[in-house]
Amino acid sequence: MTVPPSLWTPEGDNLVISGENGEVLSQLPDGAFNLIYLDPPFNTGRIQSRPQTQSVRSATGTRVGFHGRSYETIRGIALSYDDAFADYWTFLEPRLEEAWRLLADSGTLYLHLDYREVHYAKVLLDALFGRECFLNEIIWAYDYGAKPKTRWPSKHDTILVYVKDPKNYTFNADAVEREPYMAPGLVTAEKAARGKMPTDVWWHTIVSPTGKEKTGYPTQKPLGILRRILQASTNEGDWVLDFFAGSGTTGAAAAALGRRFVLVDENQEALSVMTKRLGEQARFVVAPETIRATGS
């Protein structure tokens, strides 16, 4: 696949690309990124629904699943299938397929969703990557915001972690910042001083509304979450992609850790925040498709 040299080369600058991500992704080459982090819109506010989706064996299927077999997805008539849900997965599914294509052979995908969509995403990614490529379900737990009295308060997001090759991927356990033991008296003084390796449940505050980290972008994610992800699943100099870039936290974490990054967004508020936040750490470009569409 040919990529315009002005858009991205592995020897080039960190990039923030202004453009519709579906168009931008098609201009990036296979296997270019060691890590992809995605924090897409969560599709909140839709009615509850249950899709009928079936993955079947197919010699011409585009997904590789169990034991390297090819599959295709068959979508049937859905029960209580509202437009918001249909539009959401029609939008997101091809972008996840592109994420698989863009990952390096040793690459890792982190998909950040909430309880409304994560179970559908798990089934889709099992078919796309293969169940053996599922590495972790990370629970990011926090305690902030409204606390309803009619149900258990929802205070966590879910991050699904998939690798391109379950026998060859990056995971730097020793590079991850350690955290205090919950019961330090039950371990040796040496272990208590060093701290423990985080589990798949991450207790981390949201971005403080009054803290220095706050950019004003409504769905900004904490730098600490992205720093942990990059410490574990990339090495210095690796390329990282985030095509729902928002406030640019992925780029800020990557720059601080010596990783290279490409961020994509078409929202002008997001682009304004990233321009201010990342400054000279990235080159800001407009995707060629966007230029042709607008005539600018």
C-alpha atoms as a PDB file:
ATOM      1  CA  MET A   1       0.000   0.000   0.000  1.00  0.00           C
ATOM      2  CA  THR A   2       1.424   3.352  -1.035  1.00  0.00           C
ATOM      3  CA  VAL A   3       1.598   6.090   1.581  1.00  0.00           C
ATOM      4  CA  PRO A   4       2.112   9.759   0.688  1.00  0.00           C
ATOM      5  CA  PRO A   5       5.601  10.652   1.989  1.00  0.00           C
ATOM      6  CA  SER A   6       4.233  13.872   3.472  1.00  0.00           C
ATOM      7  CA  LEU A   7       1.822  11.896   5.647  1.00  0.00           C
ATOM      8  CA  TRP A   8       3.986   9.311   7.458  1.00  0.00           C
ATOM      9  CA  THR A   9       7.305   7.514   7.197  1.00  0.00           C
ATOM     10  CA  PRO A  10       8.967   5.438   9.929  1.00  0.00           C
ATOM     11  CA  GLU A  11      11.980   7.760   9.820  1.00  0.00           C
ATOM     12  CA  GLY A  12       9.843  10.891  10.057  1.00  0.00           C
ATOM     13  CA  ASP A  13       8.384  13.071  12.776  1.00  0.00           C
ATOM     14  CA  ASN A  14       5.756  12.345  15.356  1.00  0.00           C
ATOM     15  CA  LEU A  15       2.458  13.285  13.732  1.00  0.00           C
ATOM     16  CA  VAL A  16      -0.920  14.676  14.647  1.00  0.00           C
ATOM     17  CA  ILE A  17      -3.107  14.143  11.584  1.00  0.00           C
ATOM     18  CA  SER A  18      -6.273  16.136  11.008  1.00  0.00           C
ATOM     19  CA  GLY A  19      -8.684  13.941   9.133  1.00  0.00           C
ATOM     20  CA  GLU A  20     -11.422  11.323   9.195  1.00  0.00           C
ATOM     21  CA  ASN A  21      -9.721   8.256  10.606  1.00  0.00           C
ATOM     22  CA  GLY A  22     -11.237   5.794   8.139  1.00  0.00           C
ATOM     23  CA  GLU A  23      -9.637   7.736   5.295  1.00  0.00           C
ATOM     24  CA  VAL A  24      -6.336   8.255   7.100  1.00  0.00           C
ATOM     25  CA  LEU A  25      -5.889   4.595   8.049  1.00  0.00           C
ATOM     26  CA  SER A  26      -6.127   3.475   4.438  1.00  0.00           C
ATOM     27  CA  GLN A  27      -3.032   5.596   3.721  1.00  0.00           C
ATOM     28  CA  LEU A  28      -0.855   3.899   6.344  1.00  0.00           C
ATOM     29  CA  PRO A  29       1.175   0.754   5.592  1.00  0.00           C
ATOM     30  CA  ASP A  30       0.709  -2.764   6.915  1.00  0.00           C
ATOM     31  CA  GLY A  31       2.458  -3.633  10.172  1.00  0.00           C
ATOM     32  CA  ALA A  32       3.693  -0.100  10.828  1.00  0.00           C
ATOM     33  CA  PHE A  33       2.874   0.189  14.544  1.00  0.00           C
ATOM     34  CA  ASN A  34       4.100  -1.668  17.590  1.00  0.00           C
ATOM     35  CA  LEU A  35       1.114  -0.601  19.685  1.00  0.00           C
ATOM     36  CA  ILE A  36      -2.343   0.745  18.952  1.00  0.00           C
ATOM     37  CA  TYR A  37      -4.426   2.286  21.721  1.00  0.00           C
ATOM     38  CA  LEU A  38      -8.048   3.096  20.931  1.00  0.00           C
ATOM     39  CA  ASP A  39     -10.534   4.976  23.070  1.00  0.00           C
ATOM     40  CA  PRO A  40     -13.533   5.273  20.713  1.00  0.00           C
ATOM     41  CA  PRO A  41     -16.848   6.898  21.598  1.00  0.00           C
ATOM     42  CA  PHE A  42     -18.668   4.696  24.100  1.00  0.00           C
ATOM     43  CA  ASN A  43     -22.088   4.745  22.379  1.00  0.00           C
ATOM     44  CA  THR A  44     -23.882   5.844  25.529  1.00  0.00           C
ATOM     45  CA  GLY A  45     -27.578   6.549  25.622  1.00  0.00           C
ATOM     46  CA  ARG A  46     -28.842   3.858  23.284  1.00  0.00           C
ATOM     47  CA  ILE A  47     -31.599   1.424  24.247  1.00  0.00           C
ATOM     48  CA  GLN A  48     -30.628  -2.071  25.365  1.00  0.00           C
ATOM     49  CA  SER A  49     -30.346  -4.453  22.457  1.00  0.00           C
ATOM     50  CA  ARG A  50     -29.017  -7.847  21.485  1.00  0.00           C
ATOM     51  CA  PRO A  51     -27.482  -8.377  18.048  1.00  0.00           C
ATOM     52  CA  GLN A  52     -27.566 -11.717  16.292  1.00  0.00           C
ATOM     53  CA  THR A  53     -24.100 -12.255  14.854  1.00  0.00           C
ATOM     54  CA  GLN A  54     -22.658 -15.550  13.680  1.00  0.00           C
ATOM     55  CA  SER A  55     -19.082 -16.299  12.627  1.00  0.00           C
ATOM     56  CA  VAL A  56     -18.879 -19.163  10.130  1.00  0.00           C
ATOM     57  CA  ARG A  57     -16.003 -20.995   8.450  1.00  0.00           C
ATOM     58  CA  SER A  58     -15.261 -19.601   5.015  1.00  0.00           C
ATOM     59  CA  ALA A  59     -12.378 -20.183   2.635  1.00  0.00           C
ATOM     60  CA  THR A  60     -12.653 -16.558   1.563  1.00  0.00           C
ATOM     61  CA  GLY A  61     -13.246 -15.106   5.035  1.00  0.00           C
ATOM     62  CA  THR A  62     -11.266 -12.028   5.985  1.00  0.00           C
ATOM     63  CA  ARG A  63     -10.837 -12.936   9.673  1.00  0.00           C
ATOM     64  CA  VAL A  64      -8.396 -15.483  11.055  1.00  0.00           C
ATOM     65  CA  GLY A  65      -9.785 -17.229  14.115  1.00  0.00           C
ATOM     66  CA  PHE A  66      -9.270 -20.538  15.874  1.00  0.00           C
ATOM     67  CA  HIS A  67      -6.153 -22.436  14.731  1.00  0.00           C
ATOM     68  CA  GLY A  68      -5.587 -20.058  11.839  1.00  0.00           C
ATOM     69  CA  ARG A  69      -8.920 -20.856  10.168  1.00  0.00           C
ATOM     70  CA  SER A  70     -10.659 -18.222   8.058  1.00  0.00           C
ATOM     71  CA  TYR A  71     -14.036 -16.862   9.123  1.00  0.00           C
ATOM     72  CA  GLU A  72     -16.586 -14.389   7.898  1.00  0.00           C
ATOM     73  CA  THR A  73     -19.246 -12.657   9.947  1.00  0.00           C
ATOM     74  CA  ILE A  74     -22.902 -13.236   9.169  1.00  0.00           C
ATOM     75  CA  ARG A  75     -25.265 -10.615  10.549  1.00  0.00           C
ATOM     76  CA  GLY A  76     -28.847 -11.692  10.980  1.00  0.00           C
ATOM     77  CA  ILE A  77     -31.953  -9.810  11.951  1.00  0.00           C
ATOM     78  CA  ALA A  78     -31.337  -8.301  15.379  1.00  0.00           C
ATOM     79  CA  LEU A  79     -33.634  -8.341  18.359  1.00  0.00           C
ATOM     80  CA  SER A  80     -34.436  -4.809  19.577  1.00  0.00           C
ATOM     81  CA  TYR A  81     -31.762  -3.541  17.200  1.00  0.00           C
ATOM     82  CA  ASP A  82     -31.831   0.239  17.352  1.00  0.00           C
ATOM     83  CA  ASP A  83     -30.192   2.595  14.881  1.00  0.00           C
ATOM     84  CA  ALA A  84     -27.632   3.920  17.344  1.00  0.00           C
ATOM     85  CA  PHE A  85     -26.253   0.433  17.978  1.00  0.00           C
ATOM     86  CA  ALA A  86     -26.218  -0.537  14.307  1.00  0.00           C
ATOM     87  CA  ASP A  87     -24.498   2.675  13.308  1.00  0.00           C
ATOM     88  CA  TYR A  88     -21.927   2.312  16.084  1.00  0.00           C
ATOM     89  CA  TRP A  89     -20.684  -1.122  15.073  1.00  0.00           C
ATOM     90  CA  THR A  90     -20.930  -0.376  11.365  1.00  0.00           C
ATOM     91  CA  PHE A  91     -18.584   2.493  12.180  1.00  0.00           C
ATOM     92  CA  LEU A  92     -16.226   0.707  14.581  1.00  0.00           C
ATOM     93  CA  GLU A  93     -15.832  -2.771  13.102  1.00  0.00           C
ATOM     94  CA  PRO A  94     -13.943  -1.792   9.913  1.00  0.00           C
ATOM     95  CA  ARG A  95     -11.643   0.416  11.991  1.00  0.00           C
ATOM     96  CA  LEU A  96     -10.756  -2.538  14.212  1.00  0.00           C
ATOM     97  CA  GLU A  97      -9.999  -4.543  11.083  1.00  0.00           C
ATOM     98  CA  GLU A  98      -7.668  -1.751  10.004  1.00  0.00           C
ATOM     99  CA  ALA A  99      -6.033  -1.797  13.451  1.00  0.00           C
ATOM    100  CA  TRP A 100      -5.225  -5.494  12.973  1.00  0.00           C
ATOM    101  CA  ARG A 101      -3.665  -4.734   9.572  1.00  0.00           C
ATOM    102  CA  LEU A 102      -1.602  -1.845  10.911  1.00  0.00           C
ATOM    103  CA  LEU A 103      -0.164  -3.744  13.880  1.00  0.00           C
ATOM    104  CA  ALA A 104       3.367  -5.103  13.580  1.00  0.00           C
ATOM    105  CA  ASP A 105       3.705  -8.876  13.848  1.00  0.00           C
ATOM    106  CA  SER A 106       4.785  -8.436  17.475  1.00  0.00           C
ATOM    107  CA  GLY A 107       2.271  -5.639  18.126  1.00  0.00           C
ATOM    108  CA  THR A 108      -0.428  -5.165  20.757  1.00  0.00           C
ATOM    109  CA  LEU A 109      -3.902  -3.602  20.620  1.00  0.00           C
ATOM    110  CA  TYR A 110      -5.462  -1.906  23.647  1.00  0.00           C
ATOM    111  CA  LEU A 111      -9.189  -1.201  23.127  1.00  0.00           C
ATOM    112  CA  HIS A 112     -10.747   1.004  25.813  1.00  0.00           C
ATOM    113  CA  LEU A 113     -14.539   0.726  26.223  1.00  0.00           C
ATOM    114  CA  ASP A 114     -17.179   0.713  28.946  1.00  0.00           C
ATOM    115  CA  TYR A 115     -19.737  -1.836  30.055  1.00  0.00           C
ATOM    116  CA  ARG A 116     -22.213  -0.966  27.289  1.00  0.00           C
ATOM    117  CA  GLU A 117     -20.084  -2.282  24.424  1.00  0.00           C
ATOM    118  CA  VAL A 118     -17.140  -4.284  25.716  1.00  0.00           C
ATOM    119  CA  HIS A 119     -18.826  -7.701  25.516  1.00  0.00           C
ATOM    120  CA  TYR A 120     -19.675  -7.169  21.835  1.00  0.00           C
ATOM    121  CA  ALA A 121     -16.111  -6.036  21.181  1.00  0.00           C
ATOM    122  CA  LYS A 122     -14.694  -9.155  22.860  1.00  0.00           C
ATOM    123  CA  VAL A 123     -16.619 -11.457  20.510  1.00  0.00           C
ATOM    124  CA  LEU A 124     -15.628  -9.397  17.475  1.00  0.00           C
ATOM    125  CA  LEU A 125     -11.941  -9.283  18.417  1.00  0.00           C
ATOM    126  CA  ASP A 126     -11.884 -13.015  19.143  1.00  0.00           C
ATOM    127  CA  ALA A 127     -12.989 -13.572  15.556  1.00  0.00           C
ATOM    128  CA  LEU A 128     -10.646 -10.945  14.133  1.00  0.00           C
ATOM    129  CA  PHE A 129      -7.463 -11.801  16.050  1.00  0.00           C
ATOM    130  CA  GLY A 130      -8.199 -15.355  17.204  1.00  0.00           C
ATOM    131  CA  ARG A 131      -9.053 -16.258  20.803  1.00  0.00           C
ATOM    132  CA  GLU A 132      -5.494 -17.358  21.461  1.00  0.00           C
ATOM    133  CA  CYS A 133      -4.403 -13.753  20.856  1.00  0.00           C
ATOM    134  CA  PHE A 134      -6.478 -12.413  23.755  1.00  0.00           C
ATOM    135  CA  LEU A 135      -4.003 -11.334  26.436  1.00  0.00           C
ATOM    136  CA  ASN A 136      -5.948  -9.496  29.141  1.00  0.00           C
ATOM    137  CA  GLU A 137      -9.122  -7.798  30.214  1.00  0.00           C
ATOM    138  CA  ILE A 138      -7.965  -4.809  32.237  1.00  0.00           C
ATOM    139  CA  ILE A 139     -10.404  -3.176  34.637  1.00  0.00           C
ATOM    140  CA  TRP A 140      -9.664   0.482  35.269  1.00  0.00           C
ATOM    141  CA  ALA A 141     -11.478   1.294  38.502  1.00  0.00           C
ATOM    142  CA  TYR A 142     -12.045   4.796  39.834  1.00  0.00           C
ATOM    143  CA  ASP A 143     -14.368   6.482  42.316  1.00  0.00           C
ATOM    144  CA  TYR A 144     -15.677   9.782  41.058  1.00  0.00           C
ATOM    145  CA  GLY A 145     -18.960  11.177  39.783  1.00  0.00           C
ATOM    146  CA  ALA A 146     -22.604  10.396  40.411  1.00  0.00           C
ATOM    147  CA  LYS A 147     -23.629   7.532  42.688  1.00  0.00           C
ATOM    148  CA  PRO A 148     -27.145   6.297  41.864  1.00  0.00           C
ATOM    149  CA  LYS A 149     -29.290   4.770  44.604  1.00  0.00           C
ATOM    150  CA  THR A 150     -31.165   2.285  42.408  1.00  0.00           C
ATOM    151  CA  ARG A 151     -28.192   0.172  41.216  1.00  0.00           C
ATOM    152  CA  TRP A 152     -24.521  -0.420  41.902  1.00  0.00           C
ATOM    153  CA  PRO A 153     -22.639   2.704  40.753  1.00  0.00           C
ATOM    154  CA  SER A 154     -20.698   2.120  37.533  1.00  0.00           C
ATOM    155  CA  LYS A 155     -17.119   3.080  38.372  1.00  0.00           C
ATOM    156  CA  HIS A 156     -14.892   1.262  35.927  1.00  0.00           C
ATOM    157  CA  ASP A 157     -13.886   1.064  32.269  1.00  0.00           C
ATOM    158  CA  THR A 158     -12.619  -2.042  30.504  1.00  0.00           C
ATOM    159  CA  ILE A 159      -9.519  -2.250  28.319  1.00  0.00           C
ATOM    160  CA  LEU A 160      -9.253  -5.343  26.102  1.00  0.00           C
ATOM    161  CA  VAL A 161      -5.703  -6.366  25.193  1.00  0.00           C
ATOM    162  CA  TYR A 162      -4.962  -8.452  22.087  1.00  0.00           C
ATOM    163  CA  VAL A 163      -1.635  -9.371  20.511  1.00  0.00           C
ATOM    164  CA  LYS A 164      -0.972 -10.075  16.853  1.00  0.00           C
ATOM    165  CA  ASP A 165       1.112 -13.176  17.641  1.00  0.00           C
ATOM    166  CA  PRO A 166       0.654 -14.914  21.024  1.00  0.00           C
ATOM    167  CA  LYS A 167       4.166 -16.375  20.772  1.00  0.00           C
ATOM    168  CA  ASN A 168       5.940 -13.129  19.906  1.00  0.00           C
ATOM    169  CA  TYR A 169       4.918  -9.881  21.564  1.00  0.00           C
ATOM    170  CA  THR A 170       6.397  -7.215  23.828  1.00  0.00           C
ATOM    171  CA  PHE A 171       5.690  -7.238  27.546  1.00  0.00           C
ATOM    172  CA  ASN A 172       8.196  -5.479  29.793  1.00  0.00           C
ATOM    173  CA  ALA A 173       7.082  -6.401  33.300  1.00  0.00           C
ATOM    174  CA  ASP A 174      10.180  -4.895  34.913  1.00  0.00           C
ATOM    175  CA  ALA A 175       9.630  -1.540  33.192  1.00  0.00           C
ATOM    176  CA  VAL A 176       6.163  -1.008  34.656  1.00  0.00           C
ATOM    177  CA  GLU A 177       5.936   1.346  37.620  1.00  0.00           C
ATOM    178  CA  ARG A 178       5.151  -0.737  40.667  1.00  0.00           C
ATOM    179  CA  GLU A 179       2.467   0.029  43.227  1.00  0.00           C
ATOM    180  CA  PRO A 180       2.212  -0.377  47.015  1.00  0.00           C
ATOM    181  CA  TYR A 181       1.097  -3.656  48.537  1.00  0.00           C
ATOM    182  CA  MET A 182      -2.369  -3.416  50.066  1.00  0.00           C
ATOM    183  CA  ALA A 183      -1.090  -5.380  53.080  1.00  0.00           C
ATOM    184  CA  PRO A 184       2.649  -4.570  53.270  1.00  0.00           C
ATOM    185  CA  GLY A 185       2.916  -6.312  56.635  1.00  0.00           C
ATOM    186  CA  LEU A 186       2.339  -9.654  54.928  1.00  0.00           C
ATOM    187  CA  VAL A 187       5.464  -9.425  52.746  1.00  0.00           C
ATOM    188  CA  THR A 188       9.123  -8.871  53.449  1.00  0.00           C
ATOM    189  CA  ALA A 189      10.448  -5.375  53.992  1.00  0.00           C
ATOM    190  CA  GLU A 190      12.360  -5.635  50.712  1.00  0.00           C
ATOM    191  CA  LYS A 191       9.190  -6.512  48.777  1.00  0.00           C
ATOM    192  CA  ALA A 192       7.193  -3.805  50.516  1.00  0.00           C
ATOM    193  CA  ALA A 193       9.834  -1.214  49.605  1.00  0.00           C
ATOM    194  CA  ARG A 194       9.918  -2.314  45.975  1.00  0.00           C
ATOM    195  CA  GLY A 195       6.146  -2.542  45.569  1.00  0.00           C
ATOM    196  CA  LYS A 196       4.183  -5.071  43.554  1.00  0.00           C
ATOM    197  CA  MET A 197       3.509  -5.627  39.899  1.00  0.00           C
ATOM    198  CA  PRO A 198       0.052  -4.253  39.006  1.00  0.00           C
ATOM    199  CA  THR A 199      -2.633  -6.845  38.332  1.00  0.00           C
ATOM    200  CA  ASP A 200      -5.350  -6.633  35.688  1.00  0.00           C
ATOM    201  CA  VAL A 201      -7.359  -4.372  38.018  1.00  0.00           C
ATOM    202  CA  TRP A 202      -5.963  -0.837  37.948  1.00  0.00           C
ATOM    203  CA  TRP A 203      -7.029   1.612  40.651  1.00  0.00           C
ATOM    204  CA  HIS A 204      -6.319   5.039  39.246  1.00  0.00           C
ATOM    205  CA  THR A 205      -8.095   8.339  39.708  1.00  0.00           C
ATOM    206  CA  ILE A 206      -9.658  10.127  36.771  1.00  0.00           C
ATOM    207  CA  VAL A 207      -8.085  13.357  35.565  1.00  0.00           C
ATOM    208  CA  SER A 208      -8.771  15.879  38.298  1.00  0.00           C
ATOM    209  CA  PRO A 209     -11.101  18.673  37.128  1.00  0.00           C
ATOM    210  CA  THR A 210      -8.823  21.161  38.910  1.00  0.00           C
ATOM    211  CA  GLY A 211      -5.442  19.460  38.420  1.00  0.00           C
ATOM    212  CA  LYS A 212      -2.506  20.542  36.254  1.00  0.00           C
ATOM    213  CA  GLU A 213      -3.038  17.593  33.918  1.00  0.00           C
ATOM    214  CA  LYS A 214      -6.528  18.749  32.912  1.00  0.00           C
ATOM    215  CA  THR A 215      -6.772  20.056  29.344  1.00  0.00           C
ATOM    216  CA  GLY A 216     -10.485  20.806  29.316  1.00  0.00           C
ATOM    217  CA  TYR A 217     -11.238  18.015  26.841  1.00  0.00           C
ATOM    218  CA  PRO A 218     -14.324  16.178  28.176  1.00  0.00           C
ATOM    219  CA  THR A 219     -13.161  12.553  27.723  1.00  0.00           C
ATOM    220  CA  GLN A 220      -9.490  13.032  28.610  1.00  0.00           C
ATOM    221  CA  LYS A 221      -7.836   9.889  30.013  1.00  0.00           C
ATOM    222  CA  PRO A 222      -5.158   9.980  32.739  1.00  0.00           C
ATOM    223  CA  LEU A 223      -1.522  10.083  31.708  1.00  0.00           C
ATOM    224  CA  GLY A 224      -0.789   7.345  34.244  1.00  0.00           C
ATOM    225  CA  ILE A 225      -2.995   4.832  32.415  1.00  0.00           C
ATOM    226  CA  LEU A 226      -1.272   5.400  29.070  1.00  0.00           C
ATOM    227  CA  ARG A 227       2.163   5.478  30.673  1.00  0.00           C
ATOM    228  CA  ARG A 228       1.601   2.020  32.157  1.00  0.00           C
ATOM    229  CA  ILE A 229       0.358   0.655  28.832  1.00  0.00           C
ATOM    230  CA  LEU A 230       3.367   1.990  26.923  1.00  0.00           C
ATOM    231  CA  GLN A 231       5.885   0.900  29.550  1.00  0.00           C
ATOM    232  CA  ALA A 232       4.598  -2.672  29.341  1.00  0.00           C
ATOM    233  CA  SER A 233       3.942  -3.133  25.640  1.00  0.00           C
ATOM    234  CA  THR A 234       6.503  -0.997  23.794  1.00  0.00           C
ATOM    235  CA  ASN A 235      10.221  -0.369  23.720  1.00  0.00           C
ATOM    236  CA  GLU A 236      11.998   2.946  23.303  1.00  0.00           C
ATOM    237  CA  GLY A 237      11.727   4.137  19.709  1.00  0.00           C
ATOM    238  CA  ASP A 238       8.636   2.054  18.905  1.00  0.00           C
ATOM    239  CA  TRP A 239       5.765   3.574  16.927  1.00  0.00           C
ATOM    240  CA  VAL A 240       2.393   4.026  18.644  1.00  0.00           C
ATOM    241  CA  LEU A 241      -0.913   4.804  16.906  1.00  0.00           C
ATOM    242  CA  ASP A 242      -4.084   6.345  18.361  1.00  0.00           C
ATOM    243  CA  PHE A 243      -6.752   7.207  15.797  1.00  0.00           C
ATOM    244  CA  PHE A 244      -9.335   8.412  18.329  1.00  0.00           C
ATOM    245  CA  ALA A 245      -6.738  10.746  19.779  1.00  0.00           C
ATOM    246  CA  GLY A 246      -8.958  13.223  21.645  1.00  0.00           C
ATOM    247  CA  SER A 247      -6.848  15.238  24.082  1.00  0.00           C
ATOM    248  CA  GLY A 248      -3.589  13.595  22.928  1.00  0.00           C
ATOM    249  CA  THR A 249      -2.764  11.688  26.115  1.00  0.00           C
ATOM    250  CA  THR A 250      -1.273   8.826  24.086  1.00  0.00           C
ATOM    251  CA  GLY A 251       1.122  11.232  22.394  1.00  0.00           C
ATOM    252  CA  ALA A 252       2.059  12.958  25.653  1.00  0.00           C
ATOM    253  CA  ALA A 253       2.853   9.616  27.312  1.00  0.00           C
ATOM    254  CA  ALA A 254       4.769   8.377  24.264  1.00  0.00           C
ATOM    255  CA  ALA A 255       6.886  11.524  24.039  1.00  0.00           C
ATOM    256  CA  ALA A 256       7.777  11.329  27.732  1.00  0.00           C
ATOM    257  CA  LEU A 257       8.867   7.688  27.360  1.00  0.00           C
ATOM    258  CA  GLY A 258      10.852   8.059  24.141  1.00  0.00           C
ATOM    259  CA  ARG A 259       8.290   6.383  21.883  1.00  0.00           C
ATOM    260  CA  ARG A 260       7.192   7.677  18.446  1.00  0.00           C
ATOM    261  CA  PHE A 261       3.532   8.392  17.780  1.00  0.00           C
ATOM    262  CA  VAL A 262       0.864   9.090  15.203  1.00  0.00           C
ATOM    263  CA  LEU A 263      -2.391  10.623  16.444  1.00  0.00           C
ATOM    264  CA  VAL A 264      -5.508  11.045  14.296  1.00  0.00           C
ATOM    265  CA  ASP A 265      -8.652  13.087  14.955  1.00  0.00           C
ATOM    266  CA  GLU A 266     -11.031  15.274  12.971  1.00  0.00           C
ATOM    267  CA  ASN A 267     -12.618  17.092  15.904  1.00  0.00           C
ATOM    268  CA  GLN A 268     -11.445  20.675  15.926  1.00  0.00           C
ATOM    269  CA  GLU A 269     -11.607  20.944  19.714  1.00  0.00           C
ATOM    270  CA  ALA A 270      -9.370  17.883  20.023  1.00  0.00           C
ATOM    271  CA  LEU A 271      -6.914  19.237  17.460  1.00  0.00           C
ATOM    272  CA  SER A 272      -6.759  22.549  19.278  1.00  0.00           C
ATOM    273  CA  VAL A 273      -6.051  20.818  22.602  1.00  0.00           C
ATOM    274  CA  MET A 274      -3.340  18.632  21.057  1.00  0.00           C
ATOM    275  CA  THR A 275      -1.695  21.606  19.367  1.00  0.00           C
ATOM    276  CA  LYS A 276      -1.361  23.335  22.713  1.00  0.00           C
ATOM    277  CA  ARG A 277      -0.453  20.195  24.649  1.00  0.00           C
ATOM    278  CA  LEU A 278       2.127  18.663  22.323  1.00  0.00           C
ATOM    279  CA  GLY A 279       3.574  21.793  20.740  1.00  0.00           C
ATOM    280  CA  GLU A 280       6.892  21.098  19.021  1.00  0.00           C
ATOM    281  CA  GLN A 281       6.850  17.415  19.985  1.00  0.00           C
ATOM    282  CA  ALA A 282       4.811  16.640  16.854  1.00  0.00           C
ATOM    283  CA  ARG A 283       4.234  17.844  13.308  1.00  0.00           C
ATOM    284  CA  PHE A 284       0.612  18.745  12.574  1.00  0.00           C
ATOM    285  CA  VAL A 285      -0.631  17.777   9.108  1.00  0.00           C
ATOM    286  CA  VAL A 286      -3.902  17.589   7.209  1.00  0.00           C
ATOM    287  CA  ALA A 287      -4.603  14.245   5.578  1.00  0.00           C
ATOM    288  CA  PRO A 288      -4.640  14.378   1.751  1.00  0.00           C
ATOM    289  CA  GLU A 289      -8.201  13.043   1.616  1.00  0.00           C
ATOM    290  CA  THR A 290      -9.302  15.885   3.875  1.00  0.00           C
ATOM    291  CA  ILE A 291      -7.597  18.428   1.634  1.00  0.00           C
ATOM    292  CA  ARG A 292      -9.372  17.070  -1.444  1.00  0.00           C
ATOM    293  CA  ALA A 293     -12.742  16.941   0.336  1.00  0.00           C
ATOM    294  CA  THR A 294     -12.569  20.523   1.561  1.00  0.00           C
ATOM    295  CA  GLY A 295     -10.713  21.993  -1.372  1.00  0.00           C
ATOM    296  CA  SER A 296      -8.306  23.681   1.025  1.00  0.00           C
END
